[in-house]
Amino acid sequence: ALSKYIGIKVCSEAAPQRRAILLVVLIAWAEAALLL
C-alpha cells in the first residue's frame, strides 16, 4: 500500500527511458527481501 502511495508520484512521472530500469531494480529489491 505504501508503494502505491509512492507510485502516485513515481509512476505518473516516470520517463520512458527509465521505466525498464525501474522494473528490474524493483524486482531485485523484492527478491533480496525474500532472501532475508
PDB file of all heavy atoms in Angstrom:
ATOM      1  N   ALA A   1       0.826  -1.212   0.000  1.00  0.00           N
ATOM      2  CA  ALA A   1       0.000   0.000   0.000  1.00  0.00           C
ATOM      3  C   ALA A   1       0.857   1.259   0.000  1.00  0.00           C
ATOM      4  O   ALA A   1       0.568   2.227  -0.725  1.00  0.00           O
ATOM      5  CB  ALA A   1      -0.924  -0.006   1.220  1.00  0.00           C
ATOM      6  N   LEU A   2       1.923   1.258   0.803  1.00  0.00           N
ATOM      7  CA  LEU A   2       2.839   2.401   0.814  1.00  0.00           C
ATOM      8  C   LEU A   2       3.453   2.594  -0.566  1.00  0.00           C
ATOM      9  O   LEU A   2       3.637   3.726  -1.039  1.00  0.00           O
ATOM     10  CB  LEU A   2       3.927   2.185   1.868  1.00  0.00           C
ATOM     11  CG  LEU A   2       4.963   3.302   2.024  1.00  0.00           C
ATOM     12  CD1 LEU A   2       4.289   4.627   2.356  1.00  0.00           C
ATOM     13  CD2 LEU A   2       5.973   2.932   3.108  1.00  0.00           C
ATOM     14  N   SER A   3       3.754   1.476  -1.232  1.00  0.00           N
ATOM     15  CA  SER A   3       4.292   1.543  -2.583  1.00  0.00           C
ATOM     16  C   SER A   3       3.312   2.211  -3.538  1.00  0.00           C
ATOM     17  O   SER A   3       3.713   2.949  -4.446  1.00  0.00           O
ATOM     18  CB  SER A   3       4.613   0.123  -3.068  1.00  0.00           C
ATOM     19  OG  SER A   3       5.251   0.127  -4.322  1.00  0.00           O
ATOM     20  N   LYS A   4       2.021   1.971  -3.327  1.00  0.00           N
ATOM     21  CA  LYS A   4       1.016   2.602  -4.181  1.00  0.00           C
ATOM     22  C   LYS A   4       0.995   4.116  -3.968  1.00  0.00           C
ATOM     23  O   LYS A   4       0.856   4.888  -4.929  1.00  0.00           O
ATOM     24  CB  LYS A   4      -0.365   2.012  -3.890  1.00  0.00           C
ATOM     25  CG  LYS A   4      -0.508   0.541  -4.254  1.00  0.00           C
ATOM     26  CD  LYS A   4      -0.354   0.301  -5.737  1.00  0.00           C
ATOM     27  CE  LYS A   4      -0.591  -1.153  -6.101  1.00  0.00           C
ATOM     28  NZ  LYS A   4      -0.415  -1.405  -7.555  1.00  0.00           N
ATOM     29  N   TYR A   5       1.115   4.552  -2.710  1.00  0.00           N
ATOM     30  CA  TYR A   5       1.158   5.993  -2.440  1.00  0.00           C
ATOM     31  C   TYR A   5       2.405   6.623  -3.075  1.00  0.00           C
ATOM     32  O   TYR A   5       2.337   7.711  -3.662  1.00  0.00           O
ATOM     33  CB  TYR A   5       1.152   6.251  -0.930  1.00  0.00           C
ATOM     34  CG  TYR A   5      -0.206   6.092  -0.293  1.00  0.00           C
ATOM     35  CD1 TYR A   5      -0.540   4.934   0.408  1.00  0.00           C
ATOM     36  CD2 TYR A   5      -1.164   7.090  -0.384  1.00  0.00           C
ATOM     37  CE1 TYR A   5      -1.793   4.773   0.990  1.00  0.00           C
ATOM     38  CE2 TYR A   5      -2.424   6.951   0.192  1.00  0.00           C
ATOM     39  CZ  TYR A   5      -2.729   5.791   0.878  1.00  0.00           C
ATOM     40  OH  TYR A   5      -3.971   5.634   1.449  1.00  0.00           O
ATOM     41  N   ILE A   6       3.538   5.933  -2.948  1.00  0.00           N
ATOM     42  CA  ILE A   6       4.765   6.426  -3.589  1.00  0.00           C
ATOM     43  C   ILE A   6       4.597   6.437  -5.103  1.00  0.00           C
ATOM     44  O   ILE A   6       5.048   7.353  -5.801  1.00  0.00           O
ATOM     45  CB  ILE A   6       5.964   5.537  -3.179  1.00  0.00           C
ATOM     46  CG1 ILE A   6       6.205   5.635  -1.672  1.00  0.00           C
ATOM     47  CG2 ILE A   6       7.222   5.956  -3.936  1.00  0.00           C
ATOM     48  CD1 ILE A   6       7.217   4.625  -1.150  1.00  0.00           C
ATOM     49  N   GLY A   7       3.909   5.402  -5.620  1.00  0.00           N
ATOM     50  CA  GLY A   7       3.726   5.291  -7.061  1.00  0.00           C
ATOM     51  C   GLY A   7       2.874   6.381  -7.667  1.00  0.00           C
ATOM     52  O   GLY A   7       2.960   6.629  -8.870  1.00  0.00           O
ATOM     53  N   ILE A   8       2.023   7.038  -6.859  1.00  0.00           N
ATOM     54  CA  ILE A   8       1.235   8.159  -7.386  1.00  0.00           C
ATOM     55  C   ILE A   8       2.156   9.188  -8.034  1.00  0.00           C
ATOM     56  O   ILE A   8       1.854   9.730  -9.099  1.00  0.00           O
ATOM     57  CB  ILE A   8       0.393   8.806  -6.267  1.00  0.00           C
ATOM     58  CG1 ILE A   8      -0.706   7.846  -5.807  1.00  0.00           C
ATOM     59  CG2 ILE A   8      -0.220  10.126  -6.734  1.00  0.00           C
ATOM     60  CD1 ILE A   8      -1.493   8.342  -4.609  1.00  0.00           C
ATOM     61  N   LYS A   9       3.290   9.421  -7.410  1.00  0.00           N
ATOM     62  CA  LYS A   9       4.263  10.360  -7.970  1.00  0.00           C
ATOM     63  C   LYS A   9       5.255   9.675  -8.912  1.00  0.00           C
ATOM     64  O   LYS A   9       5.434  10.090 -10.058  1.00  0.00           O
ATOM     65  CB  LYS A   9       5.039  11.045  -6.835  1.00  0.00           C
ATOM     66  CG  LYS A   9       6.165  11.963  -7.323  1.00  0.00           C
ATOM     67  CD  LYS A   9       6.857  12.657  -6.166  1.00  0.00           C
ATOM     68  CE  LYS A   9       8.081  13.449  -6.633  1.00  0.00           C
ATOM     69  NZ  LYS A   9       7.694  14.539  -7.554  1.00  0.00           N
ATOM     70  N   VAL A  10       5.866   8.590  -8.433  1.00  0.00           N
ATOM     71  CA  VAL A  10       6.942   7.952  -9.196  1.00  0.00           C
ATOM     72  C   VAL A  10       6.440   7.413 -10.530  1.00  0.00           C
ATOM     73  O   VAL A  10       7.045   7.663 -11.589  1.00  0.00           O
ATOM     74  CB  VAL A  10       7.592   6.823  -8.370  1.00  0.00           C
ATOM     75  CG1 VAL A  10       8.591   6.041  -9.228  1.00  0.00           C
ATOM     76  CG2 VAL A  10       8.293   7.399  -7.147  1.00  0.00           C
ATOM     77  N   CYS A  11       5.327   6.671 -10.518  1.00  0.00           N
ATOM     78  CA  CYS A  11       4.849   6.052 -11.755  1.00  0.00           C
ATOM     79  C   CYS A  11       4.239   7.069 -12.717  1.00  0.00           C
ATOM     80  O   CYS A  11       4.411   6.960 -13.928  1.00  0.00           O
ATOM     81  CB  CYS A  11       3.846   4.955 -11.431  1.00  0.00           C
ATOM     82  SG  CYS A  11       4.565   3.533 -10.595  1.00  0.00           S
ATOM     83  N   SER A  12       3.522   8.051 -12.186  1.00  0.00           N
ATOM     84  CA  SER A  12       2.898   9.028 -13.080  1.00  0.00           C
ATOM     85  C   SER A  12       3.919   9.963 -13.708  1.00  0.00           C
ATOM     86  O   SER A  12       3.656  10.571 -14.745  1.00  0.00           O
ATOM     87  CB  SER A  12       1.827   9.835 -12.339  1.00  0.00           C
ATOM     88  OG  SER A  12       2.383  10.550 -11.259  1.00  0.00           O
ATOM     89  N   GLU A  13       5.103  10.089 -13.095  1.00  0.00           N
ATOM     90  CA  GLU A  13       6.149  10.963 -13.633  1.00  0.00           C
ATOM     91  C   GLU A  13       7.257  10.203 -14.352  1.00  0.00           C
ATOM     92  O   GLU A  13       8.163  10.821 -14.908  1.00  0.00           O
ATOM     93  CB  GLU A  13       6.772  11.785 -12.495  1.00  0.00           C
ATOM     94  CG  GLU A  13       5.827  12.791 -11.853  1.00  0.00           C
ATOM     95  CD  GLU A  13       6.491  13.606 -10.761  1.00  0.00           C
ATOM     96  OE1 GLU A  13       7.690  13.370 -10.479  1.00  0.00           O
ATOM     97  OE2 GLU A  13       5.820  14.487 -10.176  1.00  0.00           O
ATOM     98  N   ALA A  14       7.213   8.874 -14.368  1.00  0.00           N
ATOM     99  CA  ALA A  14       8.317   8.080 -14.922  1.00  0.00           C
ATOM    100  C   ALA A  14       8.498   8.340 -16.414  1.00  0.00           C
ATOM    101  O   ALA A  14       7.572   8.172 -17.211  1.00  0.00           O
ATOM    102  CB  ALA A  14       8.062   6.603 -14.674  1.00  0.00           C
ATOM    103  N   ALA A  15       9.705   8.740 -16.803  1.00  0.00           N
ATOM    104  CA  ALA A  15      10.025   8.984 -18.206  1.00  0.00           C
ATOM    105  C   ALA A  15      10.244   7.656 -18.924  1.00  0.00           C
ATOM    106  O   ALA A  15      10.642   6.665 -18.304  1.00  0.00           O
ATOM    107  CB  ALA A  15      11.286   9.853 -18.312  1.00  0.00           C
ATOM    108  N   PRO A  16       9.993   7.588 -20.224  1.00  0.00           N
ATOM    109  CA  PRO A  16      10.096   6.317 -20.962  1.00  0.00           C
ATOM    110  C   PRO A  16      11.432   5.604 -20.793  1.00  0.00           C
ATOM    111  O   PRO A  16      11.468   4.386 -20.627  1.00  0.00           O
ATOM    112  CB  PRO A  16       9.877   6.745 -22.416  1.00  0.00           C
ATOM    113  CG  PRO A  16       9.056   7.982 -22.329  1.00  0.00           C
ATOM    114  CD  PRO A  16       9.527   8.682 -21.091  1.00  0.00           C
ATOM    115  N   GLN A  17      12.538   6.350 -20.811  1.00  0.00           N
ATOM    116  CA  GLN A  17      13.844   5.715 -20.758  1.00  0.00           C
ATOM    117  C   GLN A  17      14.188   5.121 -19.398  1.00  0.00           C
ATOM    118  O   GLN A  17      15.133   4.335 -19.277  1.00  0.00           O
ATOM    119  CB  GLN A  17      14.934   6.718 -21.173  1.00  0.00           C
ATOM    120  CG  GLN A  17      15.090   7.926 -20.271  1.00  0.00           C
ATOM    121  CD  GLN A  17      14.175   9.081 -20.651  1.00  0.00           C
ATOM    122  OE1 GLN A  17      13.181   8.879 -21.366  1.00  0.00           O
ATOM    123  NE2 GLN A  17      14.511  10.283 -20.198  1.00  0.00           N
ATOM    124  N   ARG A  18      13.411   5.462 -18.361  1.00  0.00           N
ATOM    125  CA  ARG A  18      13.700   4.975 -17.011  1.00  0.00           C
ATOM    126  C   ARG A  18      12.851   3.782 -16.602  1.00  0.00           C
ATOM    127  O   ARG A  18      13.145   3.112 -15.605  1.00  0.00           O
ATOM    128  CB  ARG A  18      13.478   6.103 -15.992  1.00  0.00           C
ATOM    129  CG  ARG A  18      14.410   7.299 -16.136  1.00  0.00           C
ATOM    130  CD  ARG A  18      14.074   8.344 -15.085  1.00  0.00           C
ATOM    131  NE  ARG A  18      14.091   7.775 -13.740  1.00  0.00           N
ATOM    132  CZ  ARG A  18      13.233   8.111 -12.770  1.00  0.00           C
ATOM    133  NH1 ARG A  18      12.275   8.984 -13.018  1.00  0.00           N
ATOM    134  NH2 ARG A  18      13.315   7.573 -11.570  1.00  0.00           N
ATOM    135  N   ARG A  19      11.800   3.489 -17.343  1.00  0.00           N
ATOM    136  CA  ARG A  19      10.814   2.514 -16.874  1.00  0.00           C
ATOM    137  C   ARG A  19      11.372   1.098 -16.792  1.00  0.00           C
ATOM    138  O   ARG A  19      11.126   0.382 -15.816  1.00  0.00           O
ATOM    139  CB  ARG A  19       9.575   2.560 -17.766  1.00  0.00           C
ATOM    140  CG  ARG A  19       8.813   3.873 -17.621  1.00  0.00           C
ATOM    141  CD  ARG A  19       7.774   4.058 -18.714  1.00  0.00           C
ATOM    142  NE  ARG A  19       7.365   5.464 -18.768  1.00  0.00           N
ATOM    143  CZ  ARG A  19       6.770   6.026 -19.802  1.00  0.00           C
ATOM    144  NH1 ARG A  19       6.511   5.323 -20.884  1.00  0.00           N
ATOM    145  NH2 ARG A  19       6.443   7.313 -19.771  1.00  0.00           N
ATOM    146  N   ALA A  20      12.109   0.653 -17.791  1.00  0.00           N
ATOM    147  CA  ALA A  20      12.645  -0.709 -17.773  1.00  0.00           C
ATOM    148  C   ALA A  20      13.644  -0.887 -16.632  1.00  0.00           C
ATOM    149  O   ALA A  20      13.642  -1.911 -15.940  1.00  0.00           O
ATOM    150  CB  ALA A  20      13.307  -1.029 -19.121  1.00  0.00           C
ATOM    151  N   ILE A  21      14.514   0.105 -16.439  1.00  0.00           N
ATOM    152  CA  ILE A  21      15.494   0.027 -15.349  1.00  0.00           C
ATOM    153  C   ILE A  21      14.788  -0.022 -14.004  1.00  0.00           C
ATOM    154  O   ILE A  21      15.157  -0.799 -13.113  1.00  0.00           O
ATOM    155  CB  ILE A  21      16.451   1.239 -15.413  1.00  0.00           C
ATOM    156  CG1 ILE A  21      17.262   1.196 -16.711  1.00  0.00           C
ATOM    157  CG2 ILE A  21      17.377   1.267 -14.205  1.00  0.00           C
ATOM    158  CD1 ILE A  21      18.114   2.416 -16.943  1.00  0.00           C
ATOM    159  N   LEU A  22      13.754   0.799 -13.841  1.00  0.00           N
ATOM    160  CA  LEU A  22      12.991   0.794 -12.595  1.00  0.00           C
ATOM    161  C   LEU A  22      12.362  -0.578 -12.325  1.00  0.00           C
ATOM    162  O   LEU A  22      12.371  -1.073 -11.191  1.00  0.00           O
ATOM    163  CB  LEU A  22      11.899   1.855 -12.650  1.00  0.00           C
ATOM    164  CG  LEU A  22      12.296   3.279 -12.253  1.00  0.00           C
ATOM    165  CD1 LEU A  22      11.154   4.247 -12.549  1.00  0.00           C
ATOM    166  CD2 LEU A  22      12.665   3.350 -10.782  1.00  0.00           C
ATOM    167  N   LEU A  23      11.825  -1.204 -13.357  1.00  0.00           N
ATOM    168  CA  LEU A  23      11.208  -2.519 -13.188  1.00  0.00           C
ATOM    169  C   LEU A  23      12.211  -3.545 -12.675  1.00  0.00           C
ATOM    170  O   LEU A  23      11.916  -4.324 -11.761  1.00  0.00           O
ATOM    171  CB  LEU A  23      10.611  -2.990 -14.518  1.00  0.00           C
ATOM    172  CG  LEU A  23       9.273  -2.358 -14.919  1.00  0.00           C
ATOM    173  CD1 LEU A  23       8.940  -2.683 -16.371  1.00  0.00           C
ATOM    174  CD2 LEU A  23       8.153  -2.839 -14.009  1.00  0.00           C
ATOM    175  N   VAL A  24      13.398  -3.561 -13.245  1.00  0.00           N
ATOM    176  CA  VAL A  24      14.425  -4.523 -12.827  1.00  0.00           C
ATOM    177  C   VAL A  24      14.884  -4.246 -11.402  1.00  0.00           C
ATOM    178  O   VAL A  24      15.041  -5.173 -10.591  1.00  0.00           O
ATOM    179  CB  VAL A  24      15.623  -4.482 -13.805  1.00  0.00           C
ATOM    180  CG1 VAL A  24      16.759  -5.376 -13.300  1.00  0.00           C
ATOM    181  CG2 VAL A  24      15.187  -4.932 -15.198  1.00  0.00           C
ATOM    182  N   VAL A  25      15.072  -2.978 -11.063  1.00  0.00           N
ATOM    183  CA  VAL A  25      15.502  -2.619  -9.709  1.00  0.00           C
ATOM    184  C   VAL A  25      14.447  -3.033  -8.681  1.00  0.00           C
ATOM    185  O   VAL A  25      14.772  -3.569  -7.609  1.00  0.00           O
ATOM    186  CB  VAL A  25      15.782  -1.102  -9.619  1.00  0.00           C
ATOM    187  CG1 VAL A  25      15.977  -0.669  -8.168  1.00  0.00           C
ATOM    188  CG2 VAL A  25      17.032  -0.754 -10.431  1.00  0.00           C
ATOM    189  N   LEU A  26      13.182  -2.810  -8.990  1.00  0.00           N
ATOM    190  CA  LEU A  26      12.111  -3.155  -8.056  1.00  0.00           C
ATOM    191  C   LEU A  26      12.055  -4.657  -7.785  1.00  0.00           C
ATOM    192  O   LEU A  26      11.879  -5.093  -6.635  1.00  0.00           O
ATOM    193  CB  LEU A  26      10.773  -2.665  -8.604  1.00  0.00           C
ATOM    194  CG  LEU A  26      10.587  -1.145  -8.706  1.00  0.00           C
ATOM    195  CD1 LEU A  26       9.289  -0.801  -9.424  1.00  0.00           C
ATOM    196  CD2 LEU A  26      10.638  -0.483  -7.337  1.00  0.00           C
ATOM    197  N   ILE A  27      12.214  -5.470  -8.825  1.00  0.00           N
ATOM    198  CA  ILE A  27      12.164  -6.917  -8.644  1.00  0.00           C
ATOM    199  C   ILE A  27      13.401  -7.420  -7.908  1.00  0.00           C
ATOM    200  O   ILE A  27      13.311  -8.339  -7.062  1.00  0.00           O
ATOM    201  CB  ILE A  27      12.018  -7.619 -10.007  1.00  0.00           C
ATOM    202  CG1 ILE A  27      10.618  -7.371 -10.562  1.00  0.00           C
ATOM    203  CG2 ILE A  27      12.291  -9.113  -9.889  1.00  0.00           C
ATOM    204  CD1 ILE A  27       9.491  -7.926  -9.705  1.00  0.00           C
ATOM    205  N   ALA A  28      14.560  -6.838  -8.192  1.00  0.00           N
ATOM    206  CA  ALA A  28      15.778  -7.227  -7.469  1.00  0.00           C
ATOM    207  C   ALA A  28      15.630  -6.938  -5.977  1.00  0.00           C
ATOM    208  O   ALA A  28      16.048  -7.740  -5.120  1.00  0.00           O
ATOM    209  CB  ALA A  28      16.983  -6.485  -8.045  1.00  0.00           C
ATOM    210  N   TRP A  29      15.030  -5.821  -5.647  1.00  0.00           N
ATOM    211  CA  TRP A  29      14.765  -5.454  -4.250  1.00  0.00           C
ATOM    212  C   TRP A  29      13.847  -6.495  -3.601  1.00  0.00           C
ATOM    213  O   TRP A  29      14.087  -6.955  -2.480  1.00  0.00           O
ATOM    214  CB  TRP A  29      14.134  -4.067  -4.222  1.00  0.00           C
ATOM    215  CG  TRP A  29      13.801  -3.516  -2.860  1.00  0.00           C
ATOM    216  CD1 TRP A  29      13.552  -4.224  -1.712  1.00  0.00           C
ATOM    217  CD2 TRP A  29      13.655  -2.140  -2.507  1.00  0.00           C
ATOM    218  NE1 TRP A  29      13.251  -3.378  -0.679  1.00  0.00           N
ATOM    219  CE2 TRP A  29      13.306  -2.092  -1.139  1.00  0.00           C
ATOM    220  CE3 TRP A  29      13.762  -0.949  -3.217  1.00  0.00           C
ATOM    221  CZ2 TRP A  29      13.075  -0.886  -0.476  1.00  0.00           C
ATOM    222  CZ3 TRP A  29      13.526   0.245  -2.559  1.00  0.00           C
ATOM    223  CH2 TRP A  29      13.204   0.283  -1.201  1.00  0.00           C
ATOM    224  N   ALA A  30      12.772  -6.859  -4.319  1.00  0.00           N
ATOM    225  CA  ALA A  30      11.810  -7.817  -3.769  1.00  0.00           C
ATOM    226  C   ALA A  30      12.459  -9.175  -3.516  1.00  0.00           C
ATOM    227  O   ALA A  30      12.196  -9.824  -2.496  1.00  0.00           O
ATOM    228  CB  ALA A  30      10.629  -7.964  -4.724  1.00  0.00           C
ATOM    229  N   GLU A  31      13.311  -9.641  -4.424  1.00  0.00           N
ATOM    230  CA  GLU A  31      13.982 -10.930  -4.240  1.00  0.00           C
ATOM    231  C   GLU A  31      14.964 -10.880  -3.076  1.00  0.00           C
ATOM    232  O   GLU A  31      15.093 -11.852  -2.312  1.00  0.00           O
ATOM    233  CB  GLU A  31      14.703 -11.328  -5.532  1.00  0.00           C
ATOM    234  CG  GLU A  31      15.504 -12.615  -5.449  1.00  0.00           C
ATOM    235  CD  GLU A  31      14.644 -13.868  -5.265  1.00  0.00           C
ATOM    236  OE1 GLU A  31      13.404 -13.758  -5.273  1.00  0.00           O
ATOM    237  OE2 GLU A  31      15.221 -14.965  -5.116  1.00  0.00           O
ATOM    238  N   ALA A  32      15.643  -9.759  -2.912  1.00  0.00           N
ATOM    239  CA  ALA A  32      16.550  -9.608  -1.769  1.00  0.00           C
ATOM    240  C   ALA A  32      15.788  -9.720  -0.449  1.00  0.00           C
ATOM    241  O   ALA A  32      16.262 -10.329   0.516  1.00  0.00           O
ATOM    242  CB  ALA A  32      17.284  -8.270  -1.858  1.00  0.00           C
ATOM    243  N   ALA A  33      14.582  -9.157  -0.417  1.00  0.00           N
ATOM    244  CA  ALA A  33      13.756  -9.261   0.791  1.00  0.00           C
ATOM    245  C   ALA A  33      13.344 -10.703   1.055  1.00  0.00           C
ATOM    246  O   ALA A  33      13.267 -11.144   2.210  1.00  0.00           O
ATOM    247  CB  ALA A  33      12.528  -8.372   0.652  1.00  0.00           C
ATOM    248  N   LEU A  34      13.087 -11.475   0.003  1.00  0.00           N
ATOM    249  CA  LEU A  34      12.733 -12.882   0.176  1.00  0.00           C
ATOM    250  C   LEU A  34      13.911 -13.704   0.693  1.00  0.00           C
ATOM    251  O   LEU A  34      13.721 -14.682   1.432  1.00  0.00           O
ATOM    252  CB  LEU A  34      12.220 -13.463  -1.148  1.00  0.00           C
ATOM    253  CG  LEU A  34      10.889 -12.903  -1.661  1.00  0.00           C
ATOM    254  CD1 LEU A  34      10.506 -13.554  -2.976  1.00  0.00           C
ATOM    255  CD2 LEU A  34       9.781 -13.078  -0.629  1.00  0.00           C
ATOM    256  N   LEU A  35      15.113 -13.321   0.314  1.00  0.00           N
ATOM    257  CA  LEU A  35      16.297 -13.989   0.859  1.00  0.00           C
ATOM    258  C   LEU A  35      16.423 -13.706   2.353  1.00  0.00           C
ATOM    259  O   LEU A  35      16.804 -14.591   3.133  1.00  0.00           O
ATOM    260  CB  LEU A  35      17.554 -13.528   0.113  1.00  0.00           C
ATOM    261  CG  LEU A  35      17.663 -13.985  -1.351  1.00  0.00           C
ATOM    262  CD1 LEU A  35      18.857 -13.325  -2.031  1.00  0.00           C
ATOM    263  CD2 LEU A  35      17.777 -15.506  -1.434  1.00  0.00           C
ATOM    264  N   LEU A  36      16.088 -12.492   2.761  1.00  0.00           N
ATOM    265  CA  LEU A  36      16.054 -12.184   4.199  1.00  0.00           C
ATOM    266  C   LEU A  36      14.991 -13.011   4.900  1.00  0.00           C
ATOM    267  O   LEU A  36      15.201 -13.516   6.010  1.00  0.00           O
ATOM    268  CB  LEU A  36      15.772 -10.685   4.405  1.00  0.00           C
ATOM    269  CG  LEU A  36      16.920  -9.708   4.162  1.00  0.00           C
ATOM    270  CD1 LEU A  36      16.422  -8.282   4.321  1.00  0.00           C
ATOM    271  CD2 LEU A  36      18.067  -9.977   5.117  1.00  0.00           C
TER     272      LEU A  36
END
